[in-house]
């Protein structure tokens, strides 16, 4: 089927529908845009990352069930003068850390989703900072703010590769492999 170049992208379609239907759920926006709900959800995440959409958490209803998040376009801000824009942009460039690829605003918290292989690197760094200690998956996971199961899997893979050593089987304890 040939692609219709006159048709807006799903992100732009959701943005247009969002402007016309403020405080709508992803399902309502998907229906109005004529796209699937998962596509609308991904488009909303992209719009949120660009600052073009705002999520209002749904919370819980009277029955205790989770309610869907509501979405709206951000409030338009007062126009800035050219001098304010230049000084703000220069200040942001000096202080803003460079965001990692694939990250969204709000991912700065400790439990943010990691890219593939990043957890193993974090675990290895943590063990390298404590070379004399034999540490278990739970202790490492708690310190890193990560899932104990995911950390346990990463420790197993690192031990298999020889980067770390399993020093006790029960309870499992790992230590950084000493290089000679």
C-alpha atoms as a PDB file:
ATOM      1  CA  UNK A   1       0.000   0.000   0.000  1.00  0.00           C
ATOM      2  CA  UNK A   2       1.567   3.347  -0.984  1.00  0.00           C
ATOM      3  CA  UNK A   3       2.092   5.893   1.756  1.00  0.00           C
ATOM      4  CA  UNK A   4      -0.210   8.925   1.700  1.00  0.00           C
ATOM      5  CA  UNK A   5       2.152  11.911   1.949  1.00  0.00           C
ATOM      6  CA  UNK A   6      -0.786  14.286   2.500  1.00  0.00           C
ATOM      7  CA  UNK A   7      -1.712  12.556   5.739  1.00  0.00           C
ATOM      8  CA  UNK A   8      -0.154  14.006   8.939  1.00  0.00           C
ATOM      9  CA  UNK A   9       2.050  11.828  11.124  1.00  0.00           C
ATOM     10  CA  UNK A  10       0.412  10.197  14.119  1.00  0.00           C
ATOM     11  CA  UNK A  11       2.224  12.637  16.440  1.00  0.00           C
ATOM     12  CA  UNK A  12       0.897  15.645  14.536  1.00  0.00           C
ATOM     13  CA  UNK A  13      -2.580  14.101  14.300  1.00  0.00           C
ATOM     14  CA  UNK A  14      -2.660  13.566  18.073  1.00  0.00           C
ATOM     15  CA  UNK A  15      -1.346  17.111  18.648  1.00  0.00           C
ATOM     16  CA  UNK A  16      -4.163  18.529  16.533  1.00  0.00           C
ATOM     17  CA  UNK A  17      -6.809  16.429  18.291  1.00  0.00           C
ATOM     18  CA  UNK A  18      -5.332  17.302  21.693  1.00  0.00           C
ATOM     19  CA  UNK A  19      -5.740  21.031  20.965  1.00  0.00           C
ATOM     20  CA  UNK A  20      -9.408  20.452  20.123  1.00  0.00           C
ATOM     21  CA  UNK A  21     -10.089  17.992  22.991  1.00  0.00           C
ATOM     22  CA  UNK A  22      -8.307  19.119  26.164  1.00  0.00           C
ATOM     23  CA  UNK A  23      -8.409  16.897  29.255  1.00  0.00           C
ATOM     24  CA  UNK A  24      -8.985  13.734  27.182  1.00  0.00           C
ATOM     25  CA  UNK A  25      -7.684  10.214  27.753  1.00  0.00           C
ATOM     26  CA  UNK A  26      -5.342   8.475  25.337  1.00  0.00           C
ATOM     27  CA  UNK A  27      -8.223   6.239  24.200  1.00  0.00           C
ATOM     28  CA  UNK A  28     -10.454   9.246  23.500  1.00  0.00           C
ATOM     29  CA  UNK A  29      -7.671  10.971  21.573  1.00  0.00           C
ATOM     30  CA  UNK A  30      -6.957   7.790  19.592  1.00  0.00           C
ATOM     31  CA  UNK A  31     -10.619   7.518  18.573  1.00  0.00           C
ATOM     32  CA  UNK A  32     -10.767  11.177  17.569  1.00  0.00           C
ATOM     33  CA  UNK A  33      -7.514  10.919  15.568  1.00  0.00           C
ATOM     34  CA  UNK A  34      -8.505   7.642  13.935  1.00  0.00           C
ATOM     35  CA  UNK A  35      -5.410   5.760  15.124  1.00  0.00           C
ATOM     36  CA  UNK A  36      -4.764   2.890  17.512  1.00  0.00           C
ATOM     37  CA  UNK A  37      -4.546   3.499  21.248  1.00  0.00           C
ATOM     38  CA  UNK A  38      -0.951   2.245  21.503  1.00  0.00           C
ATOM     39  CA  UNK A  39       0.052   4.580  18.666  1.00  0.00           C
ATOM     40  CA  UNK A  40      -1.700   7.487  20.403  1.00  0.00           C
ATOM     41  CA  UNK A  41       0.045   6.653  23.689  1.00  0.00           C
ATOM     42  CA  UNK A  42       3.451   6.675  21.966  1.00  0.00           C
ATOM     43  CA  UNK A  43       2.604   9.926  20.212  1.00  0.00           C
ATOM     44  CA  UNK A  44       1.539  11.481  23.542  1.00  0.00           C
ATOM     45  CA  UNK A  45       4.832  10.404  25.136  1.00  0.00           C
ATOM     46  CA  UNK A  46       6.711  12.073  22.268  1.00  0.00           C
ATOM     47  CA  UNK A  47       4.609  15.211  22.600  1.00  0.00           C
ATOM     48  CA  UNK A  48       5.215  15.257  26.361  1.00  0.00           C
ATOM     49  CA  UNK A  49       8.968  14.927  25.813  1.00  0.00           C
ATOM     50  CA  UNK A  50       8.800  17.900  23.418  1.00  0.00           C
ATOM     51  CA  UNK A  51       6.775  19.928  25.924  1.00  0.00           C
ATOM     52  CA  UNK A  52       3.742  19.953  23.632  1.00  0.00           C
ATOM     53  CA  UNK A  53       1.475  17.865  25.905  1.00  0.00           C
ATOM     54  CA  UNK A  54       0.865  17.685  29.637  1.00  0.00           C
ATOM     55  CA  UNK A  55      -0.150  14.504  31.491  1.00  0.00           C
ATOM     56  CA  UNK A  56      -2.580  14.730  34.407  1.00  0.00           C
ATOM     57  CA  UNK A  57      -2.351  11.463  36.420  1.00  0.00           C
ATOM     58  CA  UNK A  58      -5.712   9.726  36.735  1.00  0.00           C
ATOM     59  CA  UNK A  59      -5.324   8.513  40.307  1.00  0.00           C
ATOM     60  CA  UNK A  60      -7.805   6.064  41.761  1.00  0.00           C
ATOM     61  CA  UNK A  61     -11.586   6.103  41.490  1.00  0.00           C
ATOM     62  CA  UNK A  62     -14.109   5.518  44.283  1.00  0.00           C
ATOM     63  CA  UNK A  63     -13.889   1.785  43.626  1.00  0.00           C
ATOM     64  CA  UNK A  64     -10.099   1.796  44.107  1.00  0.00           C
ATOM     65  CA  UNK A  65      -9.327   1.150  40.453  1.00  0.00           C
ATOM     66  CA  UNK A  66      -6.755   3.178  38.558  1.00  0.00           C
ATOM     67  CA  UNK A  67      -8.273   5.863  36.375  1.00  0.00           C
ATOM     68  CA  UNK A  68      -6.729   6.743  32.998  1.00  0.00           C
ATOM     69  CA  UNK A  69      -4.400   9.701  32.735  1.00  0.00           C
ATOM     70  CA  UNK A  70      -5.826  12.814  31.120  1.00  0.00           C
ATOM     71  CA  UNK A  71      -3.892  14.873  28.587  1.00  0.00           C
ATOM     72  CA  UNK A  72      -3.963  18.526  27.643  1.00  0.00           C
ATOM     73  CA  UNK A  73      -1.921  20.986  25.629  1.00  0.00           C
ATOM     74  CA  UNK A  74       0.342  23.171  27.780  1.00  0.00           C
ATOM     75  CA  UNK A  75      -0.777  26.685  28.627  1.00  0.00           C
ATOM     76  CA  UNK A  76       0.704  29.234  26.240  1.00  0.00           C
ATOM     77  CA  UNK A  77       3.296  31.369  27.998  1.00  0.00           C
ATOM     78  CA  UNK A  78       3.725  35.085  27.698  1.00  0.00           C
ATOM     79  CA  UNK A  79       6.011  36.017  24.821  1.00  0.00           C
ATOM     80  CA  UNK A  80       9.585  36.623  25.953  1.00  0.00           C
ATOM     81  CA  UNK A  81      11.684  39.498  24.773  1.00  0.00           C
ATOM     82  CA  UNK A  82      14.673  38.763  22.562  1.00  0.00           C
ATOM     83  CA  UNK A  83      17.082  39.679  25.389  1.00  0.00           C
ATOM     84  CA  UNK A  84      15.355  37.262  27.805  1.00  0.00           C
ATOM     85  CA  UNK A  85      15.447  34.465  25.238  1.00  0.00           C
ATOM     86  CA  UNK A  86      19.157  34.949  24.507  1.00  0.00           C
ATOM     87  CA  UNK A  87      20.172  35.138  28.194  1.00  0.00           C
ATOM     88  CA  UNK A  88      18.007  32.133  29.140  1.00  0.00           C
ATOM     89  CA  UNK A  89      19.342  30.039  26.261  1.00  0.00           C
ATOM     90  CA  UNK A  90      22.958  30.872  27.157  1.00  0.00           C
ATOM     91  CA  UNK A  91      22.377  30.049  30.839  1.00  0.00           C
ATOM     92  CA  UNK A  92      20.708  26.739  29.964  1.00  0.00           C
ATOM     93  CA  UNK A  93      23.575  25.806  27.655  1.00  0.00           C
ATOM     94  CA  UNK A  94      26.066  26.392  30.495  1.00  0.00           C
ATOM     95  CA  UNK A  95      24.191  24.473  33.195  1.00  0.00           C
ATOM     96  CA  UNK A  96      22.128  21.846  31.397  1.00  0.00           C
ATOM     97  CA  UNK A  97      23.582  18.350  31.340  1.00  0.00           C
ATOM     98  CA  UNK A  98      23.463  16.661  27.980  1.00  0.00           C
ATOM     99  CA  UNK A  99      20.538  14.226  28.007  1.00  0.00           C
ATOM    100  CA  UNK A 100      21.229  10.604  27.125  1.00  0.00           C
ATOM    101  CA  UNK A 101      19.617   9.287  23.974  1.00  0.00           C
ATOM    102  CA  UNK A 102      16.129   7.881  24.482  1.00  0.00           C
ATOM    103  CA  UNK A 103      15.513   9.600  27.806  1.00  0.00           C
ATOM    104  CA  UNK A 104      12.438  11.659  28.613  1.00  0.00           C
ATOM    105  CA  UNK A 105      11.951  14.581  30.992  1.00  0.00           C
ATOM    106  CA  UNK A 106      11.383  13.228  34.490  1.00  0.00           C
ATOM    107  CA  UNK A 107      13.765  10.285  34.037  1.00  0.00           C
ATOM    108  CA  UNK A 108      16.352  11.899  36.293  1.00  0.00           C
ATOM    109  CA  UNK A 109      15.123   9.934  39.298  1.00  0.00           C
ATOM    110  CA  UNK A 110      17.141   6.967  40.465  1.00  0.00           C
ATOM    111  CA  UNK A 111      14.859   4.273  39.033  1.00  0.00           C
ATOM    112  CA  UNK A 112      14.675   5.603  35.468  1.00  0.00           C
ATOM    113  CA  UNK A 113      14.553   3.046  32.693  1.00  0.00           C
ATOM    114  CA  UNK A 114      18.024   2.106  31.505  1.00  0.00           C
ATOM    115  CA  UNK A 115      19.217   1.368  28.007  1.00  0.00           C
ATOM    116  CA  UNK A 116      20.396  -2.119  27.149  1.00  0.00           C
ATOM    117  CA  UNK A 117      23.508  -3.145  29.127  1.00  0.00           C
ATOM    118  CA  UNK A 118      23.550  -0.069  31.374  1.00  0.00           C
ATOM    119  CA  UNK A 119      22.558  -1.988  34.515  1.00  0.00           C
ATOM    120  CA  UNK A 120      25.584  -4.287  34.209  1.00  0.00           C
ATOM    121  CA  UNK A 121      27.785  -1.201  33.966  1.00  0.00           C
ATOM    122  CA  UNK A 122      26.189   0.322  37.071  1.00  0.00           C
ATOM    123  CA  UNK A 123      26.610  -2.939  38.993  1.00  0.00           C
ATOM    124  CA  UNK A 124      30.248  -3.224  37.912  1.00  0.00           C
ATOM    125  CA  UNK A 125      30.961   0.383  38.966  1.00  0.00           C
ATOM    126  CA  UNK A 126      29.290  -0.243  42.325  1.00  0.00           C
ATOM    127  CA  UNK A 127      31.397  -3.353  42.969  1.00  0.00           C
ATOM    128  CA  UNK A 128      34.558  -1.592  41.761  1.00  0.00           C
ATOM    129  CA  UNK A 129      34.001   1.110  44.388  1.00  0.00           C
ATOM    130  CA  UNK A 130      33.904  -1.629  47.073  1.00  0.00           C
ATOM    131  CA  UNK A 131      36.631  -4.111  46.060  1.00  0.00           C
ATOM    132  CA  UNK A 132      37.065  -5.620  49.532  1.00  0.00           C
ATOM    133  CA  UNK A 133      33.370  -6.314  50.129  1.00  0.00           C
ATOM    134  CA  UNK A 134      31.472  -9.444  49.132  1.00  0.00           C
ATOM    135  CA  UNK A 135      28.017  -8.188  48.172  1.00  0.00           C
ATOM    136  CA  UNK A 136      24.717  -9.898  47.425  1.00  0.00           C
ATOM    137  CA  UNK A 137      22.106  -8.977  44.820  1.00  0.00           C
ATOM    138  CA  UNK A 138      19.707  -7.443  47.374  1.00  0.00           C
ATOM    139  CA  UNK A 139      22.301  -5.071  48.824  1.00  0.00           C
ATOM    140  CA  UNK A 140      23.483  -3.940  45.388  1.00  0.00           C
ATOM    141  CA  UNK A 141      19.891  -3.532  44.154  1.00  0.00           C
ATOM    142  CA  UNK A 142      18.900  -1.478  47.181  1.00  0.00           C
ATOM    143  CA  UNK A 143      21.908   0.811  46.811  1.00  0.00           C
ATOM    144  CA  UNK A 144      21.286   1.318  43.093  1.00  0.00           C
ATOM    145  CA  UNK A 145      17.511   1.670  43.455  1.00  0.00           C
ATOM    146  CA  UNK A 146      16.929  -1.191  41.024  1.00  0.00           C
ATOM    147  CA  UNK A 147      15.039  -4.462  40.945  1.00  0.00           C
ATOM    148  CA  UNK A 148      16.770  -7.227  42.920  1.00  0.00           C
ATOM    149  CA  UNK A 149      15.895  -9.708  40.173  1.00  0.00           C
ATOM    150  CA  UNK A 150      17.402  -7.555  37.439  1.00  0.00           C
ATOM    151  CA  UNK A 151      20.532  -6.932  39.512  1.00  0.00           C
ATOM    152  CA  UNK A 152      20.799 -10.660  40.287  1.00  0.00           C
ATOM    153  CA  UNK A 153      20.623 -11.437  36.566  1.00  0.00           C
ATOM    154  CA  UNK A 154      23.267  -8.796  35.806  1.00  0.00           C
ATOM    155  CA  UNK A 155      25.538 -10.205  38.537  1.00  0.00           C
ATOM    156  CA  UNK A 156      25.128 -13.697  37.069  1.00  0.00           C
ATOM    157  CA  UNK A 157      26.068 -12.492  33.585  1.00  0.00           C
ATOM    158  CA  UNK A 158      29.058 -10.533  34.921  1.00  0.00           C
ATOM    159  CA  UNK A 159      30.234 -13.604  36.870  1.00  0.00           C
ATOM    160  CA  UNK A 160      29.865 -15.746  33.758  1.00  0.00           C
ATOM    161  CA  UNK A 161      31.966 -13.279  31.760  1.00  0.00           C
ATOM    162  CA  UNK A 162      34.672 -13.273  34.444  1.00  0.00           C
ATOM    163  CA  UNK A 163      34.323  -9.585  35.347  1.00  0.00           C
ATOM    164  CA  UNK A 164      33.272 -10.486  38.890  1.00  0.00           C
ATOM    165  CA  UNK A 165      33.674 -13.594  41.043  1.00  0.00           C
ATOM    166  CA  UNK A 166      31.030 -15.573  42.920  1.00  0.00           C
ATOM    167  CA  UNK A 167      32.681 -15.921  46.357  1.00  0.00           C
ATOM    168  CA  UNK A 168      29.805 -17.646  48.210  1.00  0.00           C
ATOM    169  CA  UNK A 169      26.977 -19.807  46.876  1.00  0.00           C
ATOM    170  CA  UNK A 170      24.492 -19.544  49.723  1.00  0.00           C
ATOM    171  CA  UNK A 171      23.763 -16.723  50.167  1.00  0.00           C
ATOM    172  CA  UNK A 172      25.202 -15.606  46.856  1.00  0.00           C
ATOM    173  CA  UNK A 173      27.958 -13.044  47.288  1.00  0.00           C
ATOM    174  CA  UNK A 174      30.032 -11.423  44.563  1.00  0.00           C
ATOM    175  CA  UNK A 175      33.283  -9.495  44.475  1.00  0.00           C
ATOM    176  CA  UNK A 176      35.141  -7.711  41.720  1.00  0.00           C
ATOM    177  CA  UNK A 177      37.653 -10.071  40.057  1.00  0.00           C
ATOM    178  CA  UNK A 178      41.179  -9.031  40.906  1.00  0.00           C
ATOM    179  CA  UNK A 179      43.411  -8.421  37.924  1.00  0.00           C
ATOM    180  CA  UNK A 180      47.016  -9.531  38.276  1.00  0.00           C
END
